[in-house]
Amino acid sequence: MTPPTHRASVTLTDETTAKRVVDALSELFFEDQAAFAAFERPDGRWDVTVHFAAPPDQTLLRELVGHVVRQDIASTLVFDTIEAKDWVKASLEDLVPVAAGRFVVHGQHDRHRIPPNKLGIEIEAALAFGTGHHGTTRGCLLLLDHVLKAYQPRRVLDLGTGTGVLGIAAAKALHGKVLASDIDPPSVRVAEENAWLNGAGHLVDVIRATGFAAPRFAADGPFDLVLANILANPLRQLAGPMVRHLASSAQVILSGLLTHQAPAVIAAYRARGLVPLRHLKIEGWSTCCCARSGDVTATGRQCGDCTLCCKVMAIEELAKPASAWCPHCAPGRGCRIYPDRPAECRSFSCVWLVNELLEEHWKPSRSKLVLTTSEDGLEVRCDPGFPDAWRREPFRSELREWAISGETLDMTVVVIVGQRMTLLTPEREFDLGIVGPAERIVRELDGTRVVNATVTKASDLEQ
């Protein structure tokens, strides 16, 4: 217990304003002086509460808030003193459970609120990071839930485990062993305690390790699934060592990335034969699921007689344009130079091959459509002999459903015929014409809704 603590609270109109106020106040106080919490009210407004170890300067706080919002709102700041308690815990106890697919991350006070059809993961309220409220943790849990619907990995690694929430989630979902590691000794202790708290202590083995240096990685690998929620630079540096510890059908979930950092990290893994399958963007943070490229994937699917990718994709190394058969392809049979195929071909990933959730009618040789992912979302390449294949049912309806989801997740759905592109939204089709490799699609948004789309030179966006 701490001495009586002091509280300041204010109600604001929206989330953006609440975050601006919290950011401004957090620059004024050290971590041991104040704890901040911002929560959405049922009416859509936001409450910002600050707990102080010592009485705050009320005039200074009002002035500071007044610089961020209107002075009349700053004047509504309410100050009071609350009973002796752990003031960090007090600011976090109001955290509502966070649902991410089959998983719900919660505090002890919400243990009784977890539905029986969900996997609850209890994280002590005093642990501010890794409670599931951060965009990276939630993104990882959502993609983990997605991966486990079609894939059952046997060897799982939680790299940079922190509170252990991801390793615990995987262990509880799979009822299997998980190796978890962290460079920080306190995090190792916390993750172990949380694993036992959640009934997974016998499944989650937590070790202290830097990168992949510890012998346990070689002993427990190669891994079928790696969860890595760390930071952009370490993720780039670990791309090589990580790939050496992966099984042939492995999938990797990468997070801890600001959205603008994701392309560089994805490129580092793509260069080592891992291709992005899915990319989530939550609150300015990116989470990406990658898998090894190849004809035989974790889904067990094979190309068989399908060679449509050899027609619709451009291959720069071979000077092969899009919508023309590759000279090395035997249509319906395969690639004549497969062992020595270019790097572009090795890194190519057909979404139908690697995502078992796509039904058989999406197989390219049947649908006349090749689905691939990009940093921005989903790309649908049409066989030039069937340029309107995407308009047929059930493809058109399913593409529209993906476009609806894409608006929420800031992901695009683009149909490509040759070099001509069409951006699909829930309400419209934006015919963008021919889009060259040095050009980019720019969307005009009203909230999350796309109201216009244009094409501009990539160099103009960098200025």
Protein backbone atom coordinates (compact mmCIF):
# COMPACT_ATOMS: atom_id res chain seq x y z
CA MET A 1 0.00 0.00 0.00
CA THR A 2 1.12 3.55 -0.74
CA PRO A 3 0.09 6.74 1.07
CA PRO A 4 -3.15 8.45 0.02
CA THR A 5 -2.90 9.45 -3.63
CA HIS A 6 -4.12 12.43 -5.58
CA ARG A 7 -6.17 12.32 -8.72
CA ALA A 8 -6.98 14.66 -11.58
CA SER A 9 -9.64 13.77 -14.15
CA VAL A 10 -11.30 15.36 -17.15
CA THR A 11 -13.82 14.24 -19.78
CA LEU A 12 -12.93 14.92 -23.44
CA THR A 13 -14.81 14.68 -26.70
CA ASP A 14 -12.85 11.99 -28.55
CA GLU A 15 -9.95 9.54 -28.49
CA THR A 16 -7.55 11.77 -30.45
CA THR A 17 -7.94 14.63 -27.98
CA ALA A 18 -7.54 12.24 -25.04
CA LYS A 19 -4.28 10.91 -26.46
CA ARG A 20 -2.97 14.45 -27.05
CA VAL A 21 -3.67 15.36 -23.42
CA VAL A 22 -2.02 12.19 -22.11
CA ASP A 23 1.03 12.75 -24.33
CA ALA A 24 1.39 16.34 -23.12
CA LEU A 25 1.06 15.40 -19.44
CA SER A 26 3.40 12.42 -19.71
CA GLU A 27 6.20 14.74 -20.86
CA LEU A 28 5.84 16.74 -17.63
CA PHE A 29 6.09 13.89 -15.11
CA PHE A 30 8.45 10.98 -14.56
CA GLU A 31 7.06 7.44 -14.37
CA ASP A 32 7.32 7.34 -10.56
CA GLN A 33 5.41 10.63 -10.22
CA ALA A 34 2.22 9.93 -12.13
CA ALA A 35 0.23 7.16 -13.82
CA PHE A 36 -2.10 7.89 -16.74
CA ALA A 37 -5.26 6.17 -17.94
CA ALA A 38 -7.67 7.01 -20.78
CA PHE A 39 -10.93 5.13 -21.27
CA GLU A 40 -13.89 5.43 -23.61
CA ARG A 41 -17.27 6.10 -22.01
CA PRO A 42 -20.53 4.50 -23.19
CA ASP A 43 -21.53 7.85 -24.74
CA GLY A 44 -18.40 7.90 -26.92
CA ARG A 45 -16.54 10.53 -24.92
CA TRP A 46 -13.23 9.78 -23.19
CA ASP A 47 -12.20 10.06 -19.53
CA VAL A 48 -8.56 10.90 -18.81
CA THR A 49 -7.43 10.19 -15.24
CA VAL A 50 -4.03 10.89 -13.69
CA HIS A 51 -2.95 9.47 -10.32
CA PHE A 52 -0.19 11.36 -8.50
CA ALA A 53 2.09 10.29 -5.68
CA ALA A 54 2.17 13.88 -4.37
CA PRO A 55 -0.34 16.75 -4.63
CA PRO A 56 -0.05 18.22 -8.14
CA ASP A 57 0.18 21.89 -9.06
CA GLN A 58 -3.44 22.42 -10.10
CA THR A 59 -2.82 25.76 -11.81
CA LEU A 60 0.03 24.32 -13.88
CA LEU A 61 -2.05 21.33 -14.91
CA ARG A 62 -4.96 23.51 -16.01
CA GLU A 63 -2.62 25.71 -18.05
CA LEU A 64 -0.99 22.71 -19.71
CA VAL A 65 -4.31 21.09 -20.59
CA GLY A 66 -5.55 24.47 -21.81
CA HIS A 67 -2.69 24.56 -24.34
CA VAL A 68 -3.89 21.24 -25.78
CA VAL A 69 -7.65 21.81 -25.65
CA ARG A 70 -9.84 24.84 -25.04
CA GLN A 71 -9.39 26.67 -21.75
CA ASP A 72 -13.04 26.14 -20.83
CA ILE A 73 -12.45 22.37 -21.01
CA ALA A 74 -9.28 22.69 -18.92
CA SER A 75 -11.35 24.47 -16.28
CA THR A 76 -13.43 21.28 -15.88
CA LEU A 77 -10.44 19.37 -14.47
CA VAL A 78 -11.49 17.77 -11.20
CA PHE A 79 -9.00 17.15 -8.40
CA ASP A 80 -9.53 14.86 -5.43
CA THR A 81 -7.69 12.64 -2.97
CA ILE A 82 -8.39 8.92 -2.82
CA GLU A 83 -7.75 6.30 -0.16
CA ALA A 84 -4.39 4.69 0.31
CA LYS A 85 -3.74 2.14 -2.44
CA ASP A 86 -1.31 1.12 -5.17
CA TRP A 87 -1.80 4.11 -7.46
CA VAL A 88 -0.38 2.37 -10.55
CA LYS A 89 -2.83 -0.46 -10.03
CA ALA A 90 -5.60 2.04 -9.44
CA SER A 91 -5.11 3.56 -12.88
CA LEU A 92 -5.16 0.14 -14.55
CA GLU A 93 -7.97 -1.64 -12.71
CA ASP A 94 -10.48 0.05 -14.97
CA LEU A 95 -8.99 -1.70 -17.99
CA VAL A 96 -11.77 -3.70 -19.58
CA PRO A 97 -11.02 -7.20 -20.90
CA VAL A 98 -9.54 -7.15 -24.39
CA ALA A 99 -10.94 -9.67 -26.87
CA ALA A 100 -8.79 -10.83 -29.79
CA GLY A 101 -10.35 -13.74 -31.63
CA ARG A 102 -10.66 -16.70 -29.24
CA PHE A 103 -8.48 -14.93 -26.65
CA VAL A 104 -9.49 -12.48 -23.91
CA VAL A 105 -6.78 -10.72 -21.89
CA HIS A 106 -8.04 -9.55 -18.51
CA GLY A 107 -7.08 -8.55 -14.98
CA GLN A 108 -7.83 -10.47 -11.82
CA HIS A 109 -10.86 -8.26 -11.16
CA ASP A 110 -12.47 -9.43 -14.44
CA ARG A 111 -11.77 -13.14 -14.04
CA HIS A 112 -15.48 -13.86 -13.53
CA ARG A 113 -16.47 -12.01 -16.74
CA ILE A 114 -14.71 -14.31 -19.23
CA PRO A 115 -17.20 -16.32 -21.37
CA PRO A 116 -16.72 -20.11 -21.24
CA ASN A 117 -16.13 -20.26 -25.00
CA LYS A 118 -13.10 -17.94 -24.76
CA LEU A 119 -9.53 -18.56 -23.62
CA GLY A 120 -8.86 -16.14 -20.78
CA ILE A 121 -5.32 -14.89 -20.16
CA GLU A 122 -4.92 -13.14 -16.82
CA ILE A 123 -2.20 -10.51 -16.56
CA GLU A 124 -1.65 -8.70 -13.26
CA ALA A 125 -2.96 -5.14 -13.42
CA ALA A 126 0.36 -3.68 -12.23
CA LEU A 127 1.97 -4.78 -15.48
CA ALA A 128 1.26 -1.92 -17.88
CA PHE A 129 2.76 -3.46 -21.03
CA GLY A 130 1.49 -6.74 -22.38
CA THR A 131 -2.04 -6.40 -21.00
CA GLY A 132 -3.49 -6.75 -24.50
CA HIS A 133 -4.49 -3.10 -24.76
CA HIS A 134 -1.40 -2.21 -26.78
CA GLY A 135 -1.88 -2.45 -30.56
CA THR A 136 1.06 -4.83 -31.01
CA THR A 137 -0.14 -7.37 -28.43
CA ARG A 138 -3.69 -7.33 -29.76
CA GLY A 139 -2.44 -7.63 -33.36
CA CYS A 140 -0.34 -10.68 -32.47
CA LEU A 141 -3.27 -12.36 -30.70
CA LEU A 142 -5.58 -11.70 -33.66
CA LEU A 143 -3.10 -13.20 -36.13
CA LEU A 144 -2.33 -16.10 -33.80
CA ASP A 145 -6.05 -16.86 -33.67
CA HIS A 146 -6.20 -16.65 -37.47
CA VAL A 147 -3.19 -18.93 -38.00
CA LEU A 148 -4.41 -21.60 -35.60
CA LYS A 149 -7.70 -21.97 -37.49
CA ALA A 150 -5.83 -23.62 -40.36
CA TYR A 151 -2.49 -24.72 -38.90
CA GLN A 152 -1.43 -26.78 -35.89
CA PRO A 153 2.25 -26.07 -35.11
CA ARG A 154 4.07 -28.50 -32.84
CA ARG A 155 7.13 -26.40 -31.96
CA VAL A 156 6.35 -22.81 -30.93
CA LEU A 157 8.68 -19.99 -29.92
CA ASP A 158 7.68 -16.72 -28.22
CA LEU A 159 10.69 -14.50 -28.83
CA GLY A 160 10.90 -11.45 -26.56
CA THR A 161 8.07 -12.74 -24.38
CA GLY A 162 7.69 -9.76 -21.99
CA THR A 163 4.69 -10.61 -19.80
CA GLY A 164 4.40 -14.00 -21.50
CA VAL A 165 0.94 -13.26 -22.86
CA LEU A 166 1.61 -14.61 -26.39
CA GLY A 167 3.35 -17.77 -25.23
CA ILE A 168 0.56 -18.42 -22.74
CA ALA A 169 -2.06 -17.88 -25.46
CA ALA A 170 -0.35 -20.35 -27.80
CA ALA A 171 0.14 -22.94 -25.06
CA LYS A 172 -3.51 -22.78 -23.95
CA ALA A 173 -4.86 -22.89 -27.50
CA LEU A 174 -2.64 -25.79 -28.58
CA HIS A 175 -2.41 -27.64 -25.24
CA GLY A 176 1.27 -27.96 -26.08
CA LYS A 177 4.75 -26.86 -25.13
CA VAL A 178 6.03 -23.36 -25.92
CA LEU A 179 9.56 -22.03 -25.55
CA ALA A 180 9.58 -18.37 -24.46
CA SER A 181 12.64 -16.14 -24.22
CA ASP A 182 13.52 -12.61 -23.16
CA ILE A 183 16.71 -10.62 -22.78
CA ASP A 184 15.44 -8.98 -19.57
CA PRO A 185 15.70 -11.01 -16.31
CA PRO A 186 12.66 -9.33 -14.65
CA SER A 187 10.59 -10.16 -17.73
CA VAL A 188 11.64 -13.82 -17.49
CA ARG A 189 10.46 -13.90 -13.88
CA VAL A 190 7.18 -12.13 -14.68
CA ALA A 191 6.46 -14.41 -17.66
CA GLU A 192 7.06 -17.52 -15.53
CA GLU A 193 4.72 -16.22 -12.82
CA ASN A 194 2.03 -15.39 -15.36
CA ALA A 195 2.32 -18.81 -16.98
CA TRP A 196 1.68 -20.54 -13.64
CA LEU A 197 -1.10 -18.06 -12.82
CA ASN A 198 -2.83 -19.07 -16.07
CA GLY A 199 -2.43 -22.80 -15.56
CA ALA A 200 0.23 -23.04 -18.27
CA GLY A 201 3.38 -23.16 -16.14
CA HIS A 202 4.00 -26.78 -17.12
CA LEU A 203 3.72 -25.86 -20.82
CA VAL A 204 5.59 -22.55 -21.11
CA ASP A 205 9.35 -22.82 -20.58
CA VAL A 206 10.84 -19.33 -20.14
CA ILE A 207 14.57 -18.73 -20.64
CA ARG A 208 16.81 -15.66 -20.60
CA ALA A 209 18.54 -15.30 -23.96
CA THR A 210 19.86 -12.72 -26.39
CA GLY A 211 18.65 -13.30 -29.93
CA PHE A 212 19.11 -16.95 -30.91
CA ALA A 213 22.41 -17.43 -29.07
CA ALA A 214 21.19 -19.89 -26.43
CA PRO A 215 21.65 -23.64 -27.16
CA ARG A 216 17.98 -24.24 -26.34
CA PHE A 217 16.89 -22.73 -29.66
CA ALA A 218 18.75 -25.38 -31.62
CA ALA A 219 17.64 -28.11 -29.22
CA ASP A 220 13.94 -27.20 -29.33
CA GLY A 221 13.81 -26.18 -32.99
CA PRO A 222 13.26 -26.03 -35.82
CA PHE A 223 10.13 -24.04 -34.99
CA ASP A 224 6.81 -24.31 -36.79
CA LEU A 225 5.57 -20.99 -35.41
CA VAL A 226 7.47 -17.98 -34.05
CA LEU A 227 5.82 -15.06 -32.25
CA ALA A 228 8.14 -12.04 -32.18
CA ASN A 229 6.70 -8.88 -30.65
CA ILE A 230 9.83 -6.80 -30.15
CA LEU A 231 11.09 -3.76 -32.10
CA ALA A 232 11.87 -2.98 -35.74
CA ASN A 233 15.69 -2.91 -35.58
CA PRO A 234 16.07 -6.16 -33.61
CA LEU A 235 13.57 -7.84 -35.93
CA ARG A 236 15.62 -6.85 -38.98
CA GLN A 237 18.85 -8.03 -37.34
CA LEU A 238 17.26 -11.34 -36.34
CA ALA A 239 15.88 -12.18 -39.80
CA GLY A 240 18.88 -14.35 -40.75
CA PRO A 241 19.20 -16.26 -37.45
CA MET A 242 15.44 -16.72 -37.25
CA VAL A 243 15.15 -18.28 -40.71
CA ARG A 244 17.89 -20.77 -39.78
CA HIS A 245 15.71 -21.94 -36.87
CA LEU A 246 12.49 -22.38 -38.87
CA ALA A 247 10.87 -25.57 -40.08
CA SER A 248 10.08 -25.87 -43.78
CA SER A 249 6.39 -25.04 -43.25
CA ALA A 250 6.93 -22.40 -40.57
CA GLN A 251 4.91 -19.25 -40.07
CA VAL A 252 6.17 -16.15 -38.26
CA ILE A 253 4.16 -13.37 -36.61
CA LEU A 254 6.15 -10.13 -36.39
CA SER A 255 5.13 -7.08 -34.38
CA GLY A 256 6.43 -4.15 -32.37
CA LEU A 257 6.55 -2.15 -35.62
CA LEU A 258 5.32 1.34 -36.23
CA THR A 259 3.38 1.28 -39.48
CA HIS A 260 6.07 3.19 -41.40
CA GLN A 261 8.72 0.69 -40.21
CA ALA A 262 6.87 -2.40 -41.50
CA PRO A 263 8.02 -2.29 -45.17
CA ALA A 264 11.72 -2.43 -44.24
CA VAL A 265 11.21 -5.32 -41.82
CA ILE A 266 9.02 -7.24 -44.28
CA ALA A 267 11.69 -6.73 -46.96
CA ALA A 268 14.36 -8.22 -44.67
CA TYR A 269 12.32 -11.40 -44.23
CA ARG A 270 11.17 -11.54 -47.85
CA ALA A 271 14.84 -11.51 -48.90
CA ARG A 272 15.29 -14.70 -46.87
CA GLY A 273 12.35 -16.54 -48.44
CA LEU A 274 9.52 -15.47 -46.12
CA VAL A 275 6.55 -13.77 -47.72
CA PRO A 276 3.80 -11.76 -46.00
CA LEU A 277 0.42 -13.47 -45.76
CA ARG A 278 -1.47 -10.96 -43.68
CA HIS A 279 -0.80 -7.47 -42.35
CA LEU A 280 -2.81 -5.80 -39.56
CA LYS A 281 -2.55 -2.14 -38.64
CA ILE A 282 -3.89 -1.18 -35.20
CA GLU A 283 -3.45 2.23 -33.56
CA GLY A 284 -0.41 3.08 -35.67
CA TRP A 285 1.29 -0.30 -35.10
CA SER A 286 1.78 -3.09 -37.64
CA THR A 287 1.62 -6.84 -37.13
CA CYS A 288 2.54 -9.15 -40.00
CA CYS A 289 2.23 -12.89 -40.53
CA CYS A 290 4.84 -14.39 -42.89
CA ALA A 291 5.48 -17.89 -44.22
CA ARG A 292 8.06 -19.65 -46.31
CA SER A 293 7.33 -19.54 -50.01
CA GLY A 294 7.13 -22.75 -52.01
CA ASP A 295 4.75 -25.04 -53.80
CA VAL A 296 4.00 -27.26 -50.83
CA THR A 297 2.82 -25.21 -47.86
CA ALA A 298 1.49 -25.59 -44.35
CA THR A 299 -1.95 -26.16 -45.85
CA GLY A 300 -0.78 -29.25 -47.73
CA ARG A 301 -1.91 -27.72 -51.03
CA GLN A 302 0.14 -27.99 -54.20
CA CYS A 303 0.21 -26.13 -57.48
CA GLY A 304 -0.61 -29.27 -59.43
CA ASP A 305 -1.57 -28.31 -62.99
CA CYS A 306 -1.86 -24.60 -62.13
CA THR A 307 0.77 -22.33 -63.70
CA LEU A 308 -1.24 -19.10 -63.95
CA CYS A 309 1.26 -17.15 -61.82
CA CYS A 310 3.81 -17.72 -64.61
CA LYS A 311 1.50 -15.77 -66.90
CA VAL A 312 0.09 -12.92 -64.83
CA MET A 313 3.19 -11.90 -62.83
CA ALA A 314 5.98 -9.67 -64.18
CA ILE A 315 9.51 -11.03 -63.63
CA GLU A 316 12.08 -8.27 -63.88
CA GLU A 317 15.11 -10.60 -63.88
CA LEU A 318 13.77 -12.36 -66.98
CA ALA A 319 12.43 -9.14 -68.56
CA LYS A 320 9.04 -10.86 -68.61
CA PRO A 321 6.07 -8.49 -68.63
CA ALA A 322 2.81 -9.16 -66.80
CA SER A 323 0.09 -11.03 -68.72
CA ALA A 324 2.52 -12.97 -70.91
CA TRP A 325 3.65 -16.56 -70.50
CA CYS A 326 7.15 -17.00 -69.12
CA PRO A 327 9.36 -18.65 -71.79
CA HIS A 328 10.50 -21.18 -69.17
CA CYS A 329 6.95 -22.26 -68.29
CA ALA A 330 5.20 -25.29 -69.72
CA PRO A 331 1.57 -24.22 -69.22
CA GLY A 332 -0.34 -26.71 -67.10
CA ARG A 333 2.84 -28.62 -66.27
CA GLY A 334 5.33 -26.37 -64.50
CA CYS A 335 8.61 -24.48 -64.64
CA ARG A 336 11.48 -25.90 -66.72
CA ILE A 337 14.11 -24.09 -64.62
CA TYR A 338 12.43 -24.54 -61.23
CA PRO A 339 15.64 -25.38 -59.24
CA ASP A 340 17.33 -22.28 -60.69
CA ARG A 341 14.30 -19.96 -60.88
CA PRO A 342 14.85 -16.23 -60.16
CA ALA A 343 14.63 -14.80 -56.64
CA GLU A 344 11.35 -13.06 -57.57
CA CYS A 345 9.79 -16.45 -58.28
CA ARG A 346 11.19 -17.97 -55.09
CA SER A 347 9.72 -15.20 -52.94
CA PHE A 348 6.33 -15.26 -54.70
CA SER A 349 3.47 -16.51 -52.55
CA CYS A 350 0.06 -17.54 -53.84
CA VAL A 351 -2.51 -16.80 -51.14
CA TRP A 352 -4.63 -19.81 -52.16
CA LEU A 353 -1.66 -22.10 -51.54
CA VAL A 354 -0.82 -20.83 -48.07
CA ASN A 355 -4.25 -19.91 -46.70
CA GLU A 356 -6.51 -22.89 -46.12
CA LEU A 357 -9.43 -20.55 -45.37
CA LEU A 358 -9.71 -19.86 -49.09
CA GLU A 359 -11.96 -22.50 -50.58
CA GLU A 360 -11.15 -24.64 -53.62
CA HIS A 361 -13.00 -22.36 -56.04
CA TRP A 362 -10.21 -19.78 -55.52
CA LYS A 363 -7.55 -22.07 -56.98
CA PRO A 364 -6.09 -19.91 -59.79
CA SER A 365 -6.53 -22.51 -62.53
CA ARG A 366 -10.26 -22.57 -61.73
CA SER A 367 -10.98 -18.97 -60.80
CA LYS A 368 -8.59 -17.41 -63.39
CA LEU A 369 -7.47 -15.19 -60.48
CA VAL A 370 -4.14 -15.14 -58.65
CA LEU A 371 -4.31 -13.66 -55.15
CA THR A 372 -1.18 -12.15 -53.60
CA THR A 373 -0.48 -9.83 -50.69
CA SER A 374 1.34 -6.52 -50.64
CA GLU A 375 2.34 -4.08 -47.92
CA ASP A 376 -1.00 -2.35 -48.46
CA GLY A 377 -3.36 -5.31 -48.65
CA LEU A 378 -4.66 -7.84 -51.19
CA GLU A 379 -3.91 -7.89 -54.91
CA VAL A 380 -6.13 -9.87 -57.32
CA ARG A 381 -4.43 -10.54 -60.67
CA CYS A 382 -6.70 -11.63 -63.51
CA ASP A 383 -5.85 -13.95 -66.37
CA PRO A 384 -5.82 -11.46 -69.30
CA GLY A 385 -7.95 -13.93 -71.25
CA PHE A 386 -10.63 -13.55 -68.55
CA PRO A 387 -10.39 -9.88 -67.51
CA ASP A 388 -13.83 -9.90 -65.88
CA ALA A 389 -13.35 -13.12 -63.92
CA TRP A 390 -13.39 -11.20 -60.65
CA ARG A 391 -16.89 -9.91 -61.41
CA ARG A 392 -18.36 -13.43 -61.41
CA GLU A 393 -19.92 -14.91 -58.30
CA PRO A 394 -18.96 -15.90 -55.71
CA PHE A 395 -15.73 -13.94 -56.28
CA ARG A 396 -17.31 -10.50 -56.52
CA SER A 397 -19.24 -10.90 -53.26
CA GLU A 398 -16.24 -12.26 -51.39
CA LEU A 399 -14.01 -9.47 -52.66
CA ARG A 400 -16.56 -6.94 -51.46
CA GLU A 401 -16.55 -8.57 -48.00
CA TRP A 402 -12.76 -8.25 -47.91
CA ALA A 403 -13.07 -4.62 -48.97
CA ILE A 404 -15.43 -3.99 -46.04
CA SER A 405 -12.92 -5.56 -43.64
CA GLY A 406 -10.12 -3.66 -45.35
CA GLU A 407 -11.63 -0.27 -44.56
CA THR A 408 -11.55 -1.11 -40.85
CA LEU A 409 -7.98 -2.50 -40.98
CA ASP A 410 -6.62 0.11 -43.43
CA MET A 411 -5.98 -2.57 -46.08
CA THR A 412 -6.70 -2.28 -49.79
CA VAL A 413 -8.22 -4.68 -52.32
CA VAL A 414 -6.87 -4.04 -55.81
CA VAL A 415 -7.80 -5.90 -59.02
CA ILE A 416 -5.01 -5.99 -61.62
CA VAL A 417 -5.34 -6.84 -65.31
CA GLY A 418 -1.97 -6.39 -66.95
CA GLN A 419 -0.88 -2.98 -65.63
CA ARG A 420 -4.41 -1.67 -65.27
CA MET A 421 -5.66 -1.44 -61.69
CA THR A 422 -9.06 -1.07 -60.04
CA LEU A 423 -9.36 -0.23 -56.34
CA LEU A 424 -12.37 -1.94 -54.76
CA THR A 425 -14.23 -0.41 -51.81
CA PRO A 426 -17.52 -1.49 -50.23
CA GLU A 427 -19.35 1.21 -52.21
CA ARG A 428 -17.35 1.90 -55.37
CA GLU A 429 -14.83 0.71 -57.95
CA PHE A 430 -12.09 3.21 -58.68
CA ASP A 431 -10.65 2.64 -62.19
CA LEU A 432 -7.07 3.83 -61.79
CA GLY A 433 -5.95 3.04 -65.33
CA ILE A 434 -2.41 1.88 -65.98
CA VAL A 435 -0.24 2.14 -62.86
CA GLY A 436 3.49 1.91 -63.43
CA PRO A 437 6.07 0.45 -61.02
CA ALA A 438 7.22 3.96 -60.01
CA GLU A 439 3.67 5.08 -59.18
CA ARG A 440 1.56 4.73 -56.05
CA ILE A 441 -2.14 4.72 -55.24
CA VAL A 442 -3.24 7.57 -52.97
CA ARG A 443 -6.58 7.23 -51.17
CA GLU A 444 -8.64 10.12 -49.86
CA LEU A 445 -10.41 9.10 -46.66
CA ASP A 446 -13.43 10.31 -44.75
CA GLY A 447 -12.76 8.57 -41.46
CA THR A 448 -12.05 5.03 -42.69
CA ARG A 449 -14.24 5.31 -45.81
CA VAL A 450 -12.47 5.80 -49.15
CA VAL A 451 -14.07 8.72 -51.00
CA ASN A 452 -11.52 9.09 -53.82
CA ALA A 453 -8.41 7.42 -55.22
CA THR A 454 -5.72 8.76 -57.52
CA VAL A 455 -2.32 7.70 -58.83
CA THR A 456 0.83 9.72 -58.27
CA LYS A 457 4.59 9.28 -58.67
CA ALA A 458 6.31 7.67 -55.73
CA SER A 459 8.98 10.40 -55.85
CA ASP A 460 6.30 13.06 -55.29
CA LEU A 461 5.20 11.35 -52.07
CA GLU A 462 8.74 11.39 -50.73
CA GLN A 463 9.15 15.14 -51.12
